[in-house]
Protein backbone atom coordinates (compact mmCIF):
# COMPACT_ATOMS: atom_id res chain seq x y z
CA MET A 1 -0.02 -0.04 0.01
CA THR A 2 1.34 3.42 -0.98
CA ASP A 3 1.04 6.73 0.96
CA THR A 4 -1.33 7.95 -1.65
CA ASP A 5 -3.64 4.89 -1.30
CA SER A 6 -6.81 6.28 0.14
CA ARG A 7 -8.69 2.98 0.54
CA LEU A 8 -10.06 2.11 3.81
CA LYS A 9 -7.91 -0.32 5.76
CA VAL A 10 -9.83 -3.29 7.15
CA MET A 11 -8.35 -5.94 9.52
CA ILE A 12 -9.75 -9.49 10.05
CA VAL A 13 -8.85 -11.18 13.35
CA ASP A 14 -9.84 -14.85 13.57
CA ASP A 15 -8.03 -17.97 14.43
CA ASP A 16 -9.93 -19.91 11.75
CA ALA A 17 -8.11 -19.44 8.46
CA ALA A 18 -11.12 -20.41 6.36
CA VAL A 19 -13.20 -17.70 8.11
CA ARG A 20 -10.44 -15.10 7.47
CA SER A 21 -10.08 -16.06 3.92
CA THR A 22 -13.77 -15.88 3.18
CA ILE A 23 -14.27 -12.47 4.85
CA ALA A 24 -11.07 -11.16 3.07
CA GLU A 25 -12.52 -12.16 -0.36
CA VAL A 26 -15.57 -10.09 0.34
CA ILE A 27 -13.67 -7.15 1.60
CA LYS A 28 -11.30 -7.16 -1.35
CA SER A 29 -14.24 -7.24 -3.79
CA PHE A 30 -15.14 -3.76 -2.43
CA ASP A 31 -11.57 -2.63 -3.32
CA LEU A 32 -10.66 -2.11 0.30
CA HIS A 33 -7.21 -2.79 1.78
CA CYS A 34 -7.37 -5.97 3.92
CA SER A 35 -4.95 -7.33 6.52
CA GLN A 36 -5.42 -10.54 8.38
CA ALA A 37 -4.29 -11.77 11.83
CA GLY A 38 -4.64 -15.28 13.12
CA SER A 39 -4.45 -14.40 16.89
CA GLY A 40 -5.06 -11.65 19.21
CA ASN A 41 -1.35 -11.23 19.87
CA GLN A 42 -0.65 -10.85 16.19
CA ALA A 43 -3.45 -8.35 15.77
CA MET A 44 -2.11 -6.26 18.57
CA ARG A 45 1.37 -6.22 17.00
CA MET A 46 -0.02 -5.25 13.68
CA MET A 47 -2.22 -2.43 15.24
CA ALA A 48 0.96 -1.02 16.86
CA GLN A 49 2.44 -0.57 13.49
CA SER A 50 -0.60 0.66 11.54
CA SER A 51 -4.17 1.93 12.07
CA PHE A 52 -7.33 0.32 10.75
CA GLU A 53 -10.73 1.97 10.13
CA ILE A 54 -12.63 -1.30 10.35
CA VAL A 55 -11.89 -4.44 12.38
CA PHE A 56 -13.75 -7.69 12.13
CA LEU A 57 -12.80 -9.43 15.42
CA ASP A 58 -13.49 -12.89 16.70
CA VAL A 59 -14.39 -13.01 20.31
CA SER A 60 -12.50 -16.18 21.46
CA PHE A 61 -8.87 -17.12 20.63
CA PRO A 62 -6.58 -19.75 22.06
CA ASP A 63 -4.26 -17.01 23.20
CA GLY A 64 -7.03 -14.83 24.91
CA SER A 65 -10.20 -12.94 24.32
CA GLY A 66 -10.95 -10.72 21.42
CA PHE A 67 -12.10 -8.08 23.93
CA GLU A 68 -8.41 -7.81 25.06
CA VAL A 69 -7.40 -6.68 21.56
CA LEU A 70 -9.72 -3.68 21.82
């Protein structure tokens, strides 16, 4: 993504790869930038480096609760 890219940035956070992939396909069909995280810890690291306008967040992860990510 370039600095001039004005697309909304969306993050999908889910430990189920099939769920992430399915949601990502829909998001990309709207020409939105889409990032994926497979755990709450990974999502927090990604959010420390970049901001996202929309987050699809699973509630339960093996490494903690989705509420901890918020």
